[in-house]
PDB file of all heavy atoms in Angstrom:
ATOM      1  N   PRO A   1     106.316  93.104 150.246  1.00  0.00           N
ATOM      2  CA  PRO A   1     105.033  93.825 150.268  1.00  0.00           C
ATOM      3  C   PRO A   1     104.442  93.977 148.865  1.00  0.00           C
ATOM      4  O   PRO A   1     105.022  93.540 147.876  1.00  0.00           O
ATOM      5  CB  PRO A   1     105.422  95.185 150.872  1.00  0.00           C
ATOM      6  CG  PRO A   1     106.875  95.339 150.559  1.00  0.00           C
ATOM      7  CD  PRO A   1     107.456  93.961 150.566  1.00  0.00           C
ATOM      8  N   GLU A   2     103.261  94.625 148.816  1.00  0.00           N
ATOM      9  CA  GLU A   2     102.592  94.817 147.526  1.00  0.00           C
ATOM     10  C   GLU A   2     103.440  95.660 146.584  1.00  0.00           C
ATOM     11  O   GLU A   2     103.479  95.411 145.382  1.00  0.00           O
ATOM     12  CB  GLU A   2     101.225  95.477 147.743  1.00  0.00           C
ATOM     13  CG  GLU A   2     100.229  94.584 148.471  1.00  0.00           C
ATOM     14  CD  GLU A   2      98.880  95.260 148.614  1.00  0.00           C
ATOM     15  OE1 GLU A   2      98.723  96.386 148.092  1.00  0.00           O
ATOM     16  OE2 GLU A   2      97.990  94.667 149.240  1.00  0.00           O
ATOM     17  N   GLU A   3     104.060  96.682 147.137  1.00  0.00           N
ATOM     18  CA  GLU A   3     104.989  97.498 146.341  1.00  0.00           C
ATOM     19  C   GLU A   3     106.405  97.182 146.820  1.00  0.00           C
ATOM     20  O   GLU A   3     106.915  97.806 147.754  1.00  0.00           O
ATOM     21  CB  GLU A   3     104.686  98.993 146.499  1.00  0.00           C
ATOM     22  CG  GLU A   3     103.380  99.412 145.854  1.00  0.00           C
ATOM     23  CD  GLU A   3     103.197 100.911 145.883  1.00  0.00           C
ATOM     24  OE1 GLU A   3     104.173 101.613 146.238  1.00  0.00           O
ATOM     25  OE2 GLU A   3     102.099 101.385 145.574  1.00  0.00           O
ATOM     26  N   PRO A   4     107.051  96.223 146.204  1.00  0.00           N
ATOM     27  CA  PRO A   4     108.380  95.812 146.693  1.00  0.00           C
ATOM     28  C   PRO A   4     109.425  96.876 146.409  1.00  0.00           C
ATOM     29  O   PRO A   4     109.271  97.692 145.488  1.00  0.00           O
ATOM     30  CB  PRO A   4     108.661  94.527 145.903  1.00  0.00           C
ATOM     31  CG  PRO A   4     107.867  94.665 144.650  1.00  0.00           C
ATOM     32  CD  PRO A   4     106.637  95.444 145.031  1.00  0.00           C
ATOM     33  N   PRO A   5     110.505  96.886 147.175  1.00  0.00           N
ATOM     34  CA  PRO A   5     111.592  97.830 146.884  1.00  0.00           C
ATOM     35  C   PRO A   5     112.271  97.476 145.571  1.00  0.00           C
ATOM     36  O   PRO A   5     112.123  96.352 145.061  1.00  0.00           O
ATOM     37  CB  PRO A   5     112.545  97.640 148.073  1.00  0.00           C
ATOM     38  CG  PRO A   5     112.234  96.286 148.608  1.00  0.00           C
ATOM     39  CD  PRO A   5     110.782  96.072 148.361  1.00  0.00           C
ATOM     40  N   PRO A   6     113.003  98.395 144.988  1.00  0.00           N
ATOM     41  CA  PRO A   6     113.654  98.107 143.695  1.00  0.00           C
ATOM     42  C   PRO A   6     114.681  96.983 143.828  1.00  0.00           C
ATOM     43  O   PRO A   6     115.342  96.822 144.856  1.00  0.00           O
ATOM     44  CB  PRO A   6     114.335  99.429 143.327  1.00  0.00           C
ATOM     45  CG  PRO A   6     113.739 100.452 144.206  1.00  0.00           C
ATOM     46  CD  PRO A   6     113.263  99.777 145.430  1.00  0.00           C
ATOM     47  N   PHE A   7     114.780  96.191 142.769  1.00  0.00           N
ATOM     48  CA  PHE A   7     115.823  95.168 142.711  1.00  0.00           C
ATOM     49  C   PHE A   7     117.155  95.837 142.350  1.00  0.00           C
ATOM     50  O   PHE A   7     117.207  96.692 141.463  1.00  0.00           O
ATOM     51  CB  PHE A   7     115.474  94.107 141.667  1.00  0.00           C
ATOM     52  CG  PHE A   7     114.263  93.300 142.023  1.00  0.00           C
ATOM     53  CD1 PHE A   7     113.069  93.476 141.339  1.00  0.00           C
ATOM     54  CD2 PHE A   7     114.302  92.365 143.042  1.00  0.00           C
ATOM     55  CE1 PHE A   7     111.950  92.744 141.667  1.00  0.00           C
ATOM     56  CE2 PHE A   7     113.190  91.620 143.368  1.00  0.00           C
ATOM     57  CZ  PHE A   7     112.012  91.811 142.691  1.00  0.00           C
ATOM     58  N   VAL A   8     118.193  95.426 143.039  1.00  0.00           N
ATOM     59  CA  VAL A   8     119.508  96.037 142.858  1.00  0.00           C
ATOM     60  C   VAL A   8     120.271  95.271 141.783  1.00  0.00           C
ATOM     61  O   VAL A   8     120.495  94.067 141.910  1.00  0.00           O
ATOM     62  CB  VAL A   8     120.302  96.055 144.174  1.00  0.00           C
ATOM     63  CG1 VAL A   8     121.655  96.731 143.969  1.00  0.00           C
ATOM     64  CG2 VAL A   8     119.516  96.774 145.263  1.00  0.00           C
ATOM     65  N   VAL A   9     120.671  95.985 140.725  1.00  0.00           N
ATOM     66  CA  VAL A   9     121.455  95.402 139.632  1.00  0.00           C
ATOM     67  C   VAL A   9     122.866  95.981 139.739  1.00  0.00           C
ATOM     68  O   VAL A   9     123.065  97.181 139.532  1.00  0.00           O
ATOM     69  CB  VAL A   9     120.836  95.723 138.260  1.00  0.00           C
ATOM     70  CG1 VAL A   9     121.649  95.078 137.144  1.00  0.00           C
ATOM     71  CG2 VAL A   9     119.386  95.239 138.200  1.00  0.00           C
ATOM     72  N   VAL A  10     123.822  95.128 140.062  1.00  0.00           N
ATOM     73  CA  VAL A  10     125.217  95.549 140.201  1.00  0.00           C
ATOM     74  C   VAL A  10     125.952  95.234 138.909  1.00  0.00           C
ATOM     75  O   VAL A  10     125.896  94.098 138.418  1.00  0.00           O
ATOM     76  CB  VAL A  10     125.890  94.843 141.391  1.00  0.00           C
ATOM     77  CG1 VAL A  10     127.380  95.150 141.426  1.00  0.00           C
ATOM     78  CG2 VAL A  10     125.241  95.274 142.697  1.00  0.00           C
ATOM     79  N   VAL A  11     126.618  96.233 138.349  1.00  0.00           N
ATOM     80  CA  VAL A  11     127.404  96.063 137.123  1.00  0.00           C
ATOM     81  C   VAL A  11     128.871  95.978 137.524  1.00  0.00           C
ATOM     82  O   VAL A  11     129.431  96.933 138.053  1.00  0.00           O
ATOM     83  CB  VAL A  11     127.163  97.222 136.135  1.00  0.00           C
ATOM     84  CG1 VAL A  11     127.932  96.987 134.849  1.00  0.00           C
ATOM     85  CG2 VAL A  11     125.668  97.373 135.843  1.00  0.00           C
ATOM     86  N   HIS A  12     129.478  94.824 137.282  1.00  0.00           N
ATOM     87  CA  HIS A  12     130.858  94.600 137.705  1.00  0.00           C
ATOM     88  C   HIS A  12     131.725  94.259 136.502  1.00  0.00           C
ATOM     89  O   HIS A  12     131.265  93.620 135.542  1.00  0.00           O
ATOM     90  CB  HIS A  12     130.930  93.454 138.721  1.00  0.00           C
ATOM     91  CG  HIS A  12     132.339  93.127 139.145  1.00  0.00           C
ATOM     92  ND1 HIS A  12     133.121  92.214 138.471  1.00  0.00           N
ATOM     93  CD2 HIS A  12     133.102  93.612 140.151  1.00  0.00           C
ATOM     94  CE1 HIS A  12     134.305  92.143 139.038  1.00  0.00           C
ATOM     95  NE2 HIS A  12     134.323  92.978 140.069  1.00  0.00           N
ATOM     96  N   GLY A  13     132.977  94.683 136.570  1.00  0.00           N
ATOM     97  CA  GLY A  13     133.933  94.367 135.513  1.00  0.00           C
ATOM     98  C   GLY A  13     135.245  95.089 135.747  1.00  0.00           C
ATOM     99  O   GLY A  13     135.317  96.039 136.543  1.00  0.00           O
ATOM    100  N   PRO A  14     136.293  94.678 135.055  1.00  0.00           N
ATOM    101  CA  PRO A  14     137.595  95.348 135.199  1.00  0.00           C
ATOM    102  C   PRO A  14     137.555  96.755 134.605  1.00  0.00           C
ATOM    103  O   PRO A  14     136.620  97.112 133.869  1.00  0.00           O
ATOM    104  CB  PRO A  14     138.550  94.436 134.422  1.00  0.00           C
ATOM    105  CG  PRO A  14     137.684  93.672 133.491  1.00  0.00           C
ATOM    106  CD  PRO A  14     136.354  93.527 134.146  1.00  0.00           C
ATOM    107  N   PRO A  15     138.536  97.595 134.891  1.00  0.00           N
ATOM    108  CA  PRO A  15     138.542  98.961 134.341  1.00  0.00           C
ATOM    109  C   PRO A  15     138.608  98.954 132.816  1.00  0.00           C
ATOM    110  O   PRO A  15     139.328  98.154 132.203  1.00  0.00           O
ATOM    111  CB  PRO A  15     139.815  99.579 134.939  1.00  0.00           C
ATOM    112  CG  PRO A  15     140.136  98.744 136.130  1.00  0.00           C
ATOM    113  CD  PRO A  15     139.660  97.370 135.828  1.00  0.00           C
ATOM    114  N   GLY A  16     137.818  99.855 132.217  1.00  0.00           N
ATOM    115  CA  GLY A  16     137.831 100.010 130.762  1.00  0.00           C
ATOM    116  C   GLY A  16     137.009  98.998 129.999  1.00  0.00           C
ATOM    117  O   GLY A  16     137.066  98.957 128.770  1.00  0.00           O
ATOM    118  N   VAL A  17     136.187  98.193 130.702  1.00  0.00           N
ATOM    119  CA  VAL A  17     135.398  97.170 129.999  1.00  0.00           C
ATOM    120  C   VAL A  17     134.078  97.736 129.477  1.00  0.00           C
ATOM    121  O   VAL A  17     133.453  97.140 128.604  1.00  0.00           O
ATOM    122  CB  VAL A  17     135.162  95.961 130.933  1.00  0.00           C
ATOM    123  CG1 VAL A  17     134.071  96.259 131.942  1.00  0.00           C
ATOM    124  CG2 VAL A  17     134.819  94.705 130.152  1.00  0.00           C
ATOM    125  N   GLY A  18     133.618  98.893 130.007  1.00  0.00           N
ATOM    126  CA  GLY A  18     132.391  99.524 129.512  1.00  0.00           C
ATOM    127  C   GLY A  18     131.236  99.496 130.490  1.00  0.00           C
ATOM    128  O   GLY A  18     130.079  99.473 130.060  1.00  0.00           O
ATOM    129  N   LYS A  19     131.507  99.529 131.799  1.00  0.00           N
ATOM    130  CA  LYS A  19     130.435  99.472 132.801  1.00  0.00           C
ATOM    131  C   LYS A  19     129.576 100.740 132.763  1.00  0.00           C
ATOM    132  O   LYS A  19     128.347 100.665 132.711  1.00  0.00           O
ATOM    133  CB  LYS A  19     131.032  99.299 134.204  1.00  0.00           C
ATOM    134  CG  LYS A  19     131.856  98.043 134.391  1.00  0.00           C
ATOM    135  CD  LYS A  19     132.290  97.863 135.835  1.00  0.00           C
ATOM    136  CE  LYS A  19     133.245  98.936 136.291  1.00  0.00           C
ATOM    137  NZ  LYS A  19     134.539  98.886 135.548  1.00  0.00           N
ATOM    138  N   THR A  20     130.227 101.899 132.776  1.00  0.00           N
ATOM    139  CA  THR A  20     129.494 103.170 132.785  1.00  0.00           C
ATOM    140  C   THR A  20     128.680 103.333 131.505  1.00  0.00           C
ATOM    141  O   THR A  20     127.524 103.790 131.545  1.00  0.00           O
ATOM    142  CB  THR A  20     130.482 104.343 132.938  1.00  0.00           C
ATOM    143  OG1 THR A  20     131.305 104.119 134.083  1.00  0.00           O
ATOM    144  CG2 THR A  20     129.743 105.656 133.098  1.00  0.00           C
ATOM    145  N   THR A  21     129.244 102.938 130.381  1.00  0.00           N
ATOM    146  CA  THR A  21     128.522 103.043 129.104  1.00  0.00           C
ATOM    147  C   THR A  21     127.290 102.166 129.103  1.00  0.00           C
ATOM    148  O   THR A  21     126.218 102.561 128.615  1.00  0.00           O
ATOM    149  CB  THR A  21     129.451 102.650 127.938  1.00  0.00           C
ATOM    150  OG1 THR A  21     130.657 103.393 128.041  1.00  0.00           O
ATOM    151  CG2 THR A  21     128.789 102.920 126.610  1.00  0.00           C
ATOM    152  N   LEU A  22     127.394 100.953 129.665  1.00  0.00           N
ATOM    153  CA  LEU A  22     126.239 100.052 129.710  1.00  0.00           C
ATOM    154  C   LEU A  22     125.137 100.613 130.598  1.00  0.00           C
ATOM    155  O   LEU A  22     123.947 100.557 130.231  1.00  0.00           O
ATOM    156  CB  LEU A  22     126.684  98.675 130.213  1.00  0.00           C
ATOM    157  CG  LEU A  22     125.587  97.616 130.303  1.00  0.00           C
ATOM    158  CD1 LEU A  22     124.995  97.337 128.929  1.00  0.00           C
ATOM    159  CD2 LEU A  22     126.103  96.341 130.935  1.00  0.00           C
ATOM    160  N   ILE A  23     125.501 101.169 131.756  1.00  0.00           N
ATOM    161  CA  ILE A  23     124.483 101.761 132.643  1.00  0.00           C
ATOM    162  C   ILE A  23     123.792 102.929 131.947  1.00  0.00           C
ATOM    163  O   ILE A  23     122.564 103.074 132.000  1.00  0.00           O
ATOM    164  CB  ILE A  23     125.130 102.205 133.969  1.00  0.00           C
ATOM    165  CG1 ILE A  23     125.598 100.988 134.764  1.00  0.00           C
ATOM    166  CG2 ILE A  23     124.153 103.026 134.805  1.00  0.00           C
ATOM    167  CD1 ILE A  23     126.338 101.320 136.042  1.00  0.00           C
ATOM    168  N   LYS A  24     124.580 103.771 131.271  1.00  0.00           N
ATOM    169  CA  LYS A  24     123.985 104.907 130.546  1.00  0.00           C
ATOM    170  C   LYS A  24     123.010 104.427 129.472  1.00  0.00           C
ATOM    171  O   LYS A  24     121.917 105.002 129.297  1.00  0.00           O
ATOM    172  CB  LYS A  24     125.089 105.747 129.903  1.00  0.00           C
ATOM    173  CG  LYS A  24     125.899 106.581 130.887  1.00  0.00           C
ATOM    174  CD  LYS A  24     126.970 107.379 130.156  1.00  0.00           C
ATOM    175  CE  LYS A  24     127.800 108.219 131.107  1.00  0.00           C
ATOM    176  NZ  LYS A  24     128.853 108.973 130.399  1.00  0.00           N
ATOM    177  N   ASN A  25     123.377 103.382 128.744  1.00  0.00           N
ATOM    178  CA  ASN A  25     122.501 102.871 127.687  1.00  0.00           C
ATOM    179  C   ASN A  25     121.227 102.256 128.246  1.00  0.00           C
ATOM    180  O   ASN A  25     120.138 102.422 127.672  1.00  0.00           O
ATOM    181  CB  ASN A  25     123.239 101.831 126.849  1.00  0.00           C
ATOM    182  CG  ASN A  25     124.338 102.430 125.991  1.00  0.00           C
ATOM    183  OD1 ASN A  25     125.227 101.741 125.504  1.00  0.00           O
ATOM    184  ND2 ASN A  25     124.321 103.753 125.798  1.00  0.00           N
ATOM    185  N   LEU A  26     121.338 101.548 129.374  1.00  0.00           N
ATOM    186  CA  LEU A  26     120.141 100.959 129.988  1.00  0.00           C
ATOM    187  C   LEU A  26     119.218 102.048 130.539  1.00  0.00           C
ATOM    188  O   LEU A  26     117.986 101.955 130.398  1.00  0.00           O
ATOM    189  CB  LEU A  26     120.554  99.997 131.106  1.00  0.00           C
ATOM    190  CG  LEU A  26     121.177  98.668 130.657  1.00  0.00           C
ATOM    191  CD1 LEU A  26     121.760  97.918 131.837  1.00  0.00           C
ATOM    192  CD2 LEU A  26     120.150  97.808 129.934  1.00  0.00           C
ATOM    193  N   ILE A  27     119.784 103.088 131.145  1.00  0.00           N
ATOM    194  CA  ILE A  27     118.961 104.201 131.634  1.00  0.00           C
ATOM    195  C   ILE A  27     118.281 104.908 130.456  1.00  0.00           C
ATOM    196  O   ILE A  27     117.093 105.268 130.519  1.00  0.00           O
ATOM    197  CB  ILE A  27     119.824 105.200 132.434  1.00  0.00           C
ATOM    198  CG1 ILE A  27     120.455 104.524 133.653  1.00  0.00           C
ATOM    199  CG2 ILE A  27     118.999 106.403 132.873  1.00  0.00           C
ATOM    200  CD1 ILE A  27     119.492 103.958 134.646  1.00  0.00           C
ATOM    201  N   LYS A  28     119.008 105.088 129.361  1.00  0.00           N
ATOM    202  CA  LYS A  28     118.427 105.722 128.164  1.00  0.00           C
ATOM    203  C   LYS A  28     117.280 104.886 127.617  1.00  0.00           C
ATOM    204  O   LYS A  28     116.262 105.412 127.143  1.00  0.00           O
ATOM    205  CB  LYS A  28     119.530 105.884 127.103  1.00  0.00           C
ATOM    206  CG  LYS A  28     119.071 106.513 125.791  1.00  0.00           C
ATOM    207  CD  LYS A  28     118.830 107.995 125.959  1.00  0.00           C
ATOM    208  CE  LYS A  28     118.339 108.640 124.673  1.00  0.00           C
ATOM    209  NZ  LYS A  28     119.353 108.675 123.623  1.00  0.00           N
ATOM    210  N   HIS A  29     117.415 103.555 127.693  1.00  0.00           N
ATOM    211  CA  HIS A  29     116.347 102.682 127.199  1.00  0.00           C
ATOM    212  C   HIS A  29     115.099 102.787 128.068  1.00  0.00           C
ATOM    213  O   HIS A  29     113.975 102.835 127.554  1.00  0.00           O
ATOM    214  CB  HIS A  29     116.845 101.232 127.165  1.00  0.00           C
ATOM    215  CG  HIS A  29     115.763 100.229 126.938  1.00  0.00           C
ATOM    216  ND1 HIS A  29     115.213  99.989 125.689  1.00  0.00           N
ATOM    217  CD2 HIS A  29     115.100  99.416 127.807  1.00  0.00           C
ATOM    218  CE1 HIS A  29     114.274  99.070 125.798  1.00  0.00           C
ATOM    219  NE2 HIS A  29     114.189  98.703 127.068  1.00  0.00           N
ATOM    220  N   TYR A  30     115.277 102.832 129.406  1.00  0.00           N
ATOM    221  CA  TYR A  30     114.120 102.799 130.309  1.00  0.00           C
ATOM    222  C   TYR A  30     113.416 104.149 130.410  1.00  0.00           C
ATOM    223  O   TYR A  30     112.180 104.204 130.437  1.00  0.00           O
ATOM    224  CB  TYR A  30     114.554 102.340 131.702  1.00  0.00           C
ATOM    225  CG  TYR A  30     114.790 100.854 131.805  1.00  0.00           C
ATOM    226  CD1 TYR A  30     116.043 100.339 132.144  1.00  0.00           C
ATOM    227  CD2 TYR A  30     113.761  99.940 131.578  1.00  0.00           C
ATOM    228  CE1 TYR A  30     116.259  98.970 132.249  1.00  0.00           C
ATOM    229  CE2 TYR A  30     113.972  98.580 131.665  1.00  0.00           C
ATOM    230  CZ  TYR A  30     115.218  98.104 131.997  1.00  0.00           C
ATOM    231  OH  TYR A  30     115.432  96.747 132.094  1.00  0.00           O
ATOM    232  N   VAL A  31     114.175 105.249 130.503  1.00  0.00           N
ATOM    233  CA  VAL A  31     113.553 106.562 130.765  1.00  0.00           C
ATOM    234  C   VAL A  31     113.723 107.537 129.607  1.00  0.00           C
ATOM    235  O   VAL A  31     113.216 108.662 129.686  1.00  0.00           O
ATOM    236  CB  VAL A  31     114.126 107.181 132.062  1.00  0.00           C
ATOM    237  CG1 VAL A  31     113.857 106.278 133.232  1.00  0.00           C
ATOM    238  CG2 VAL A  31     115.618 107.446 131.934  1.00  0.00           C
ATOM    239  N   ASN A  32     114.438 107.119 128.564  1.00  0.00           N
ATOM    240  CA  ASN A  32     114.631 107.957 127.373  1.00  0.00           C
ATOM    241  C   ASN A  32     115.297 109.294 127.719  1.00  0.00           C
ATOM    242  O   ASN A  32     114.938 110.341 127.183  1.00  0.00           O
ATOM    243  CB  ASN A  32     113.292 108.197 126.657  1.00  0.00           C
ATOM    244  CG  ASN A  32     113.489 108.590 125.204  1.00  0.00           C
ATOM    245  OD1 ASN A  32     114.560 108.344 124.635  1.00  0.00           O
ATOM    246  ND2 ASN A  32     112.494 109.200 124.606  1.00  0.00           N
ATOM    247  N   GLN A  33     116.269 109.236 128.635  1.00  0.00           N
ATOM    248  CA  GLN A  33     117.040 110.428 128.995  1.00  0.00           C
ATOM    249  C   GLN A  33     118.517 110.058 129.037  1.00  0.00           C
ATOM    250  O   GLN A  33     118.873 108.966 129.498  1.00  0.00           O
ATOM    251  CB  GLN A  33     116.611 110.972 130.362  1.00  0.00           C
ATOM    252  CG  GLN A  33     115.232 111.621 130.353  1.00  0.00           C
ATOM    253  CD  GLN A  33     114.876 112.214 131.697  1.00  0.00           C
ATOM    254  OE1 GLN A  33     115.703 112.228 132.607  1.00  0.00           O
ATOM    255  NE2 GLN A  33     113.660 112.705 131.823  1.00  0.00           N
ATOM    256  N   SER A  34     119.346 110.961 128.570  1.00  0.00           N
ATOM    257  CA  SER A  34     120.779 110.701 128.530  1.00  0.00           C
ATOM    258  C   SER A  34     121.438 111.172 129.824  1.00  0.00           C
ATOM    259  O   SER A  34     121.085 112.226 130.367  1.00  0.00           O
ATOM    260  CB  SER A  34     121.424 111.410 127.339  1.00  0.00           C
ATOM    261  OG  SER A  34     120.868 110.935 126.131  1.00  0.00           O
ATOM    262  N   LEU A  35     122.389 110.382 130.325  1.00  0.00           N
ATOM    263  CA  LEU A  35     123.146 110.742 131.517  1.00  0.00           C
ATOM    264  C   LEU A  35     124.541 111.202 131.109  1.00  0.00           C
ATOM    265  O   LEU A  35     125.186 110.583 130.266  1.00  0.00           O
ATOM    266  CB  LEU A  35     123.276 109.540 132.449  1.00  0.00           C
ATOM    267  CG  LEU A  35     122.038 109.127 133.261  1.00  0.00           C
ATOM    268  CD1 LEU A  35     122.365 107.889 134.070  1.00  0.00           C
ATOM    269  CD2 LEU A  35     121.599 110.236 134.183  1.00  0.00           C
ATOM    270  N   SER A  36     124.984 112.277 131.741  1.00  0.00           N
ATOM    271  CA  SER A  36     126.341 112.742 131.455  1.00  0.00           C
ATOM    272  C   SER A  36     127.369 111.958 132.259  1.00  0.00           C
ATOM    273  O   SER A  36     128.461 111.668 131.777  1.00  0.00           O
ATOM    274  CB  SER A  36     126.457 114.238 131.761  1.00  0.00           C
ATOM    275  OG  SER A  36     126.113 114.483 133.119  1.00  0.00           O
ATOM    276  N   GLU A  37     127.024 111.605 133.505  1.00  0.00           N
ATOM    277  CA  GLU A  37     127.923 110.819 134.340  1.00  0.00           C
ATOM    278  C   GLU A  37     127.089 109.999 135.318  1.00  0.00           C
ATOM    279  O   GLU A  37     125.942 110.335 135.624  1.00  0.00           O
ATOM    280  CB  GLU A  37     128.909 111.714 135.091  1.00  0.00           C
ATOM    281  CG  GLU A  37     128.254 112.789 135.934  1.00  0.00           C
ATOM    282  CD  GLU A  37     129.276 113.674 136.600  1.00  0.00           C
ATOM    283  OE1 GLU A  37     130.456 113.290 136.614  1.00  0.00           O
ATOM    284  OE2 GLU A  37     128.900 114.740 137.116  1.00  0.00           O
TER     285      GLU A  37
END
């Protein structure tokens, strides 16, 4: 449609590789807000 649904970006990796940190940094870049978890 004209307003398409959001594209789903899945972050995958083994434990301790930095998945949560990368998501937090990308969210900080887009909305300029820090996430605690």
